[in-house]
Amino acid sequence: RWEVTVAHVDGRHWRVVVVQGASLPPRAESCGTSVLGSPARMDVVAVRELTPPSALAS
């Protein structure tokens, strides 16, 4: 599980929670081997908009 901050050029920011799982159905990687198992899959499980700090806080 990762928590990352995503920023837009217009100043908006979000805290995003990402989890890693396995892609289904299982399949060989592009190199043709099954040793590696299923490719990883990244899923966003939560998004929360971050509010800018108040001007009064400074």
PDB file of N, CA and C in Angstrom:
ATOM      1  N   ARG A   1       0.854  -1.174   0.000  1.00  0.00           N
ATOM      2  CA  ARG A   1       0.000   0.000   0.000  1.00  0.00           C
ATOM      3  C   ARG A   1       0.898   1.234   0.000  1.00  0.00           C
ATOM      4  N   TRP A   2       0.578   2.159  -0.865  1.00  0.00           N
ATOM      5  CA  TRP A   2       1.321   3.417  -0.953  1.00  0.00           C
ATOM      6  C   TRP A   2       0.347   4.571  -0.832  1.00  0.00           C
ATOM      7  N   GLU A   3       0.795   5.660  -0.229  1.00  0.00           N
ATOM      8  CA  GLU A   3       0.056   6.917  -0.240  1.00  0.00           C
ATOM      9  C   GLU A   3       0.925   7.916  -0.980  1.00  0.00           C
ATOM     10  N   VAL A   4       0.366   8.492  -2.025  1.00  0.00           N
ATOM     11  CA  VAL A   4       1.115   9.445  -2.841  1.00  0.00           C
ATOM     12  C   VAL A   4       0.328  10.739  -2.952  1.00  0.00           C
ATOM     13  N   THR A   5       1.038  11.820  -3.197  1.00  0.00           N
ATOM     14  CA  THR A   5       0.397  13.106  -3.442  1.00  0.00           C
ATOM     15  C   THR A   5       0.457  13.385  -4.932  1.00  0.00           C
ATOM     16  N   VAL A   6      -0.692  13.696  -5.500  1.00  0.00           N
ATOM     17  CA  VAL A   6      -0.791  14.032  -6.919  1.00  0.00           C
ATOM     18  C   VAL A   6      -1.064  15.529  -7.000  1.00  0.00           C
ATOM     19  N   ALA A   7      -0.267  16.241  -7.797  1.00  0.00           N
ATOM     20  CA  ALA A   7      -0.406  17.690  -7.923  1.00  0.00           C
ATOM     21  C   ALA A   7      -0.726  18.060  -9.365  1.00  0.00           C
ATOM     22  N   HIS A   8      -1.651  18.986  -9.526  1.00  0.00           N
ATOM     23  CA  HIS A   8      -2.011  19.516 -10.842  1.00  0.00           C
ATOM     24  C   HIS A   8      -1.306  20.857 -11.009  1.00  0.00           C
ATOM     25  N   VAL A   9      -1.046  21.249 -12.248  1.00  0.00           N
ATOM     26  CA  VAL A   9      -0.354  22.522 -12.492  1.00  0.00           C
ATOM     27  C   VAL A   9      -1.161  23.726 -12.007  1.00  0.00           C
ATOM     28  N   ASP A  10      -2.480  23.564 -11.841  1.00  0.00           N
ATOM     29  CA  ASP A  10      -3.298  24.687 -11.377  1.00  0.00           C
ATOM     30  C   ASP A  10      -3.286  24.836  -9.851  1.00  0.00           C
ATOM     31  N   GLY A  11      -2.486  23.998  -9.158  1.00  0.00           N
ATOM     32  CA  GLY A  11      -2.340  24.148  -7.715  1.00  0.00           C
ATOM     33  C   GLY A  11      -3.140  23.167  -6.875  1.00  0.00           C
ATOM     34  N   ARG A  12      -4.053  22.426  -7.481  1.00  0.00           N
ATOM     35  CA  ARG A  12      -4.821  21.439  -6.713  1.00  0.00           C
ATOM     36  C   ARG A  12      -3.941  20.243  -6.371  1.00  0.00           C
ATOM     37  N   HIS A  13      -4.217  19.613  -5.219  1.00  0.00           N
ATOM     38  CA  HIS A  13      -3.464  18.445  -4.760  1.00  0.00           C
ATOM     39  C   HIS A  13      -4.430  17.403  -4.211  1.00  0.00           C
ATOM     40  N   TRP A  14      -4.070  16.138  -4.376  1.00  0.00           N
ATOM     41  CA  TRP A  14      -4.857  15.031  -3.848  1.00  0.00           C
ATOM     42  C   TRP A  14      -3.933  14.040  -3.156  1.00  0.00           C
ATOM     43  N   ARG A  15      -4.422  13.396  -2.106  1.00  0.00           N
ATOM     44  CA  ARG A  15      -3.727  12.266  -1.476  1.00  0.00           C
ATOM     45  C   ARG A  15      -4.406  11.019  -2.031  1.00  0.00           C
ATOM     46  N   VAL A  16      -3.613  10.134  -2.637  1.00  0.00           N
ATOM     47  CA  VAL A  16      -4.138   8.951  -3.320  1.00  0.00           C
ATOM     48  C   VAL A  16      -3.538   7.707  -2.672  1.00  0.00           C
ATOM     49  N   VAL A  17      -4.407   6.741  -2.348  1.00  0.00           N
ATOM     50  CA  VAL A  17      -3.955   5.463  -1.794  1.00  0.00           C
ATOM     51  C   VAL A  17      -3.976   4.438  -2.924  1.00  0.00           C
ATOM     52  N   VAL A  18      -2.828   3.764  -3.126  1.00  0.00           N
ATOM     53  CA  VAL A  18      -2.654   2.796  -4.209  1.00  0.00           C
ATOM     54  C   VAL A  18      -2.245   1.460  -3.595  1.00  0.00           C
ATOM     55  N   VAL A  19      -2.838   0.365  -4.088  1.00  0.00           N
ATOM     56  CA  VAL A  19      -2.450  -0.975  -3.638  1.00  0.00           C
ATOM     57  C   VAL A  19      -2.042  -1.803  -4.840  1.00  0.00           C
ATOM     58  N   GLN A  20      -1.154  -2.767  -4.594  1.00  0.00           N
ATOM     59  CA  GLN A  20      -0.680  -3.648  -5.659  1.00  0.00           C
ATOM     60  C   GLN A  20      -1.357  -4.998  -5.534  1.00  0.00           C
ATOM     61  N   GLY A  21      -1.789  -5.529  -6.671  1.00  0.00           N
ATOM     62  CA  GLY A  21      -2.379  -6.861  -6.716  1.00  0.00           C
ATOM     63  C   GLY A  21      -1.881  -7.578  -7.954  1.00  0.00           C
ATOM     64  N   ALA A  22      -2.474  -8.720  -8.238  1.00  0.00           N
ATOM     65  CA  ALA A  22      -2.104  -9.492  -9.431  1.00  0.00           C
ATOM     66  C   ALA A  22      -3.175  -9.314 -10.491  1.00  0.00           C
ATOM     67  N   SER A  23      -2.752  -9.152 -11.730  1.00  0.00           N
ATOM     68  CA  SER A  23      -3.704  -9.076 -12.836  1.00  0.00           C
ATOM     69  C   SER A  23      -4.301 -10.453 -13.067  1.00  0.00           C
ATOM     70  N   LEU A  24      -5.589 -10.480 -13.299  1.00  0.00           N
ATOM     71  CA  LEU A  24      -6.282 -11.748 -13.551  1.00  0.00           C
ATOM     72  C   LEU A  24      -6.914 -11.710 -14.929  1.00  0.00           C
ATOM     73  N   PRO A  25      -6.968 -12.795 -15.658  1.00  0.00           N
ATOM     74  CA  PRO A  25      -6.478 -14.121 -15.281  1.00  0.00           C
ATOM     75  C   PRO A  25      -4.955 -14.173 -15.384  1.00  0.00           C
ATOM     76  N   PRO A  26      -4.305 -15.163 -14.700  1.00  0.00           N
ATOM     77  CA  PRO A  26      -2.849 -15.293 -14.804  1.00  0.00           C
ATOM     78  C   PRO A  26      -2.423 -15.469 -16.262  1.00  0.00           C
ATOM     79  N   ARG A  27      -1.315 -14.872 -16.640  1.00  0.00           N
ATOM     80  CA  ARG A  27      -0.816 -14.998 -18.018  1.00  0.00           C
ATOM     81  C   ARG A  27       0.689 -14.781 -18.020  1.00  0.00           C
ATOM     82  N   ALA A  28       1.289 -15.281 -19.035  1.00  0.00           N
ATOM     83  CA  ALA A  28       2.747 -15.129 -19.167  1.00  0.00           C
ATOM     84  C   ALA A  28       3.092 -13.675 -19.433  1.00  0.00           C
ATOM     85  N   GLU A  29       4.251 -13.261 -18.964  1.00  0.00           N
ATOM     86  CA  GLU A  29       4.744 -11.921 -19.265  1.00  0.00           C
ATOM     87  C   GLU A  29       5.085 -11.832 -20.753  1.00  0.00           C
ATOM     88  N   SER A  30       5.394 -10.642 -21.223  1.00  0.00           N
ATOM     89  CA  SER A  30       5.663 -10.444 -22.644  1.00  0.00           C
ATOM     90  C   SER A  30       6.880 -11.219 -23.132  1.00  0.00           C
ATOM     91  N   CYS A  31       7.772 -11.613 -22.210  1.00  0.00           N
ATOM     92  CA  CYS A  31       8.955 -12.361 -22.638  1.00  0.00           C
ATOM     93  C   CYS A  31       8.629 -13.839 -22.874  1.00  0.00           C
ATOM     94  N   GLY A  32       7.380 -14.250 -22.598  1.00  0.00           N
ATOM     95  CA  GLY A  32       6.963 -15.612 -22.894  1.00  0.00           C
ATOM     96  C   GLY A  32       7.223 -16.623 -21.800  1.00  0.00           C
ATOM     97  N   THR A  33       7.653 -16.187 -20.619  1.00  0.00           N
ATOM     98  CA  THR A  33       7.918 -17.130 -19.532  1.00  0.00           C
ATOM     99  C   THR A  33       6.820 -17.063 -18.478  1.00  0.00           C
ATOM    100  N   SER A  34       6.544 -18.177 -17.834  1.00  0.00           N
ATOM    101  CA  SER A  34       5.541 -18.185 -16.770  1.00  0.00           C
ATOM    102  C   SER A  34       6.194 -18.150 -15.389  1.00  0.00           C
ATOM    103  N   VAL A  35       7.521 -18.082 -15.343  1.00  0.00           N
ATOM    104  CA  VAL A  35       8.254 -18.086 -14.077  1.00  0.00           C
ATOM    105  C   VAL A  35       7.880 -16.876 -13.223  1.00  0.00           C
ATOM    106  N   LEU A  36       7.600 -15.763 -13.864  1.00  0.00           N
ATOM    107  CA  LEU A  36       7.325 -14.530 -13.137  1.00  0.00           C
ATOM    108  C   LEU A  36       5.908 -14.457 -12.591  1.00  0.00           C
ATOM    109  N   GLY A  37       5.009 -15.334 -13.032  1.00  0.00           N
ATOM    110  CA  GLY A  37       3.625 -15.288 -12.572  1.00  0.00           C
ATOM    111  C   GLY A  37       2.848 -14.172 -13.240  1.00  0.00           C
ATOM    112  N   SER A  38       1.756 -13.776 -12.602  1.00  0.00           N
ATOM    113  CA  SER A  38       0.905 -12.728 -13.168  1.00  0.00           C
ATOM    114  C   SER A  38       1.577 -11.366 -13.054  1.00  0.00           C
ATOM    115  N   PRO A  39       1.376 -10.508 -14.041  1.00  0.00           N
ATOM    116  CA  PRO A  39       1.924  -9.153 -13.952  1.00  0.00           C
ATOM    117  C   PRO A  39       1.269  -8.391 -12.796  1.00  0.00           C
ATOM    118  N   ALA A  40       1.989  -7.441 -12.238  1.00  0.00           N
ATOM    119  CA  ALA A  40       1.449  -6.624 -11.147  1.00  0.00           C
ATOM    120  C   ALA A  40       0.368  -5.698 -11.675  1.00  0.00           C
ATOM    121  N   ARG A  41      -0.561  -5.380 -10.806  1.00  0.00           N
ATOM    122  CA  ARG A  41      -1.642  -4.459 -11.135  1.00  0.00           C
ATOM    123  C   ARG A  41      -1.690  -3.423 -10.020  1.00  0.00           C
ATOM    124  N   MET A  42      -1.779  -2.155 -10.363  1.00  0.00           N
ATOM    125  CA  MET A  42      -1.867  -1.089  -9.370  1.00  0.00           C
ATOM    126  C   MET A  42      -3.281  -0.520  -9.401  1.00  0.00           C
ATOM    127  N   ASP A  43      -3.935  -0.496  -8.236  1.00  0.00           N
ATOM    128  CA  ASP A  43      -5.308   0.002  -8.127  1.00  0.00           C
ATOM    129  C   ASP A  43      -5.372   1.180  -7.164  1.00  0.00           C
ATOM    130  N   VAL A  44      -6.090   2.218  -7.562  1.00  0.00           N
ATOM    131  CA  VAL A  44      -6.362   3.348  -6.676  1.00  0.00           C
ATOM    132  C   VAL A  44      -7.561   2.959  -5.822  1.00  0.00           C
ATOM    133  N   VAL A  45      -7.399   3.014  -4.492  1.00  0.00           N
ATOM    134  CA  VAL A  45      -8.488   2.619  -3.598  1.00  0.00           C
ATOM    135  C   VAL A  45      -9.091   3.801  -2.844  1.00  0.00           C
ATOM    136  N   ALA A  46      -8.422   4.951  -2.865  1.00  0.00           N
ATOM    137  CA  ALA A  46      -8.975   6.131  -2.201  1.00  0.00           C
ATOM    138  C   ALA A  46      -8.338   7.387  -2.776  1.00  0.00           C
ATOM    139  N   VAL A  47      -9.148   8.444  -2.877  1.00  0.00           N
ATOM    140  CA  VAL A  47      -8.667   9.747  -3.332  1.00  0.00           C
ATOM    141  C   VAL A  47      -9.266  10.796  -2.401  1.00  0.00           C
ATOM    142  N   ARG A  48      -8.398  11.656  -1.847  1.00  0.00           N
ATOM    143  CA  ARG A  48      -8.870  12.722  -0.962  1.00  0.00           C
ATOM    144  C   ARG A  48      -8.244  14.028  -1.420  1.00  0.00           C
ATOM    145  N   GLU A  49      -9.088  15.022  -1.678  1.00  0.00           N
ATOM    146  CA  GLU A  49      -8.565  16.324  -2.095  1.00  0.00           C
ATOM    147  C   GLU A  49      -7.928  17.019  -0.901  1.00  0.00           C
ATOM    148  N   LEU A  50      -6.739  17.570  -1.112  1.00  0.00           N
ATOM    149  CA  LEU A  50      -6.048  18.315  -0.069  1.00  0.00           C
ATOM    150  C   LEU A  50      -6.367  19.790  -0.234  1.00  0.00           C
ATOM    151  N   THR A  51      -6.682  20.441   0.856  1.00  0.00           N
ATOM    152  CA  THR A  51      -6.985  21.867   0.787  1.00  0.00           C
ATOM    153  C   THR A  51      -5.698  22.650   0.979  1.00  0.00           C
ATOM    154  N   PRO A  52      -5.584  23.783   0.303  1.00  0.00           N
ATOM    155  CA  PRO A  52      -4.364  24.588   0.450  1.00  0.00           C
ATOM    156  C   PRO A  52      -4.279  25.147   1.868  1.00  0.00           C
ATOM    157  N   PRO A  53      -3.070  25.378   2.355  1.00  0.00           N
ATOM    158  CA  PRO A  53      -2.923  25.966   3.691  1.00  0.00           C
ATOM    159  C   PRO A  53      -3.588  27.340   3.744  1.00  0.00           C
ATOM    160  N   SER A  54      -4.191  27.646   4.840  1.00  0.00           N
ATOM    161  CA  SER A  54      -4.875  28.929   5.001  1.00  0.00           C
ATOM    162  C   SER A  54      -3.859  30.067   5.057  1.00  0.00           C
ATOM    163  N   ALA A  55      -4.228  31.191   4.499  1.00  0.00           N
ATOM    164  CA  ALA A  55      -3.364  32.373   4.546  1.00  0.00           C
ATOM    165  C   ALA A  55      -3.202  32.855   5.986  1.00  0.00           C
ATOM    166  N   LEU A  56      -4.160  32.516   6.865  1.00  0.00           N
ATOM    167  CA  LEU A  56      -4.078  32.925   8.261  1.00  0.00           C
ATOM    168  C   LEU A  56      -3.045  32.125   9.040  1.00  0.00           C
ATOM    169  N   ALA A  57      -2.617  30.994   8.517  1.00  0.00           N
ATOM    170  CA  ALA A  57      -1.669  30.148   9.229  1.00  0.00           C
ATOM    171  C   ALA A  57      -0.255  30.710   9.203  1.00  0.00           C
ATOM    172  N   SER A  58       0.019  31.654   8.327  1.00  0.00           N
ATOM    173  CA  SER A  58       1.390  32.158   8.217  1.00  0.00           C
ATOM    174  C   SER A  58       1.675  33.317   9.113  1.00  0.00           C
TER     175      SER A  58
END
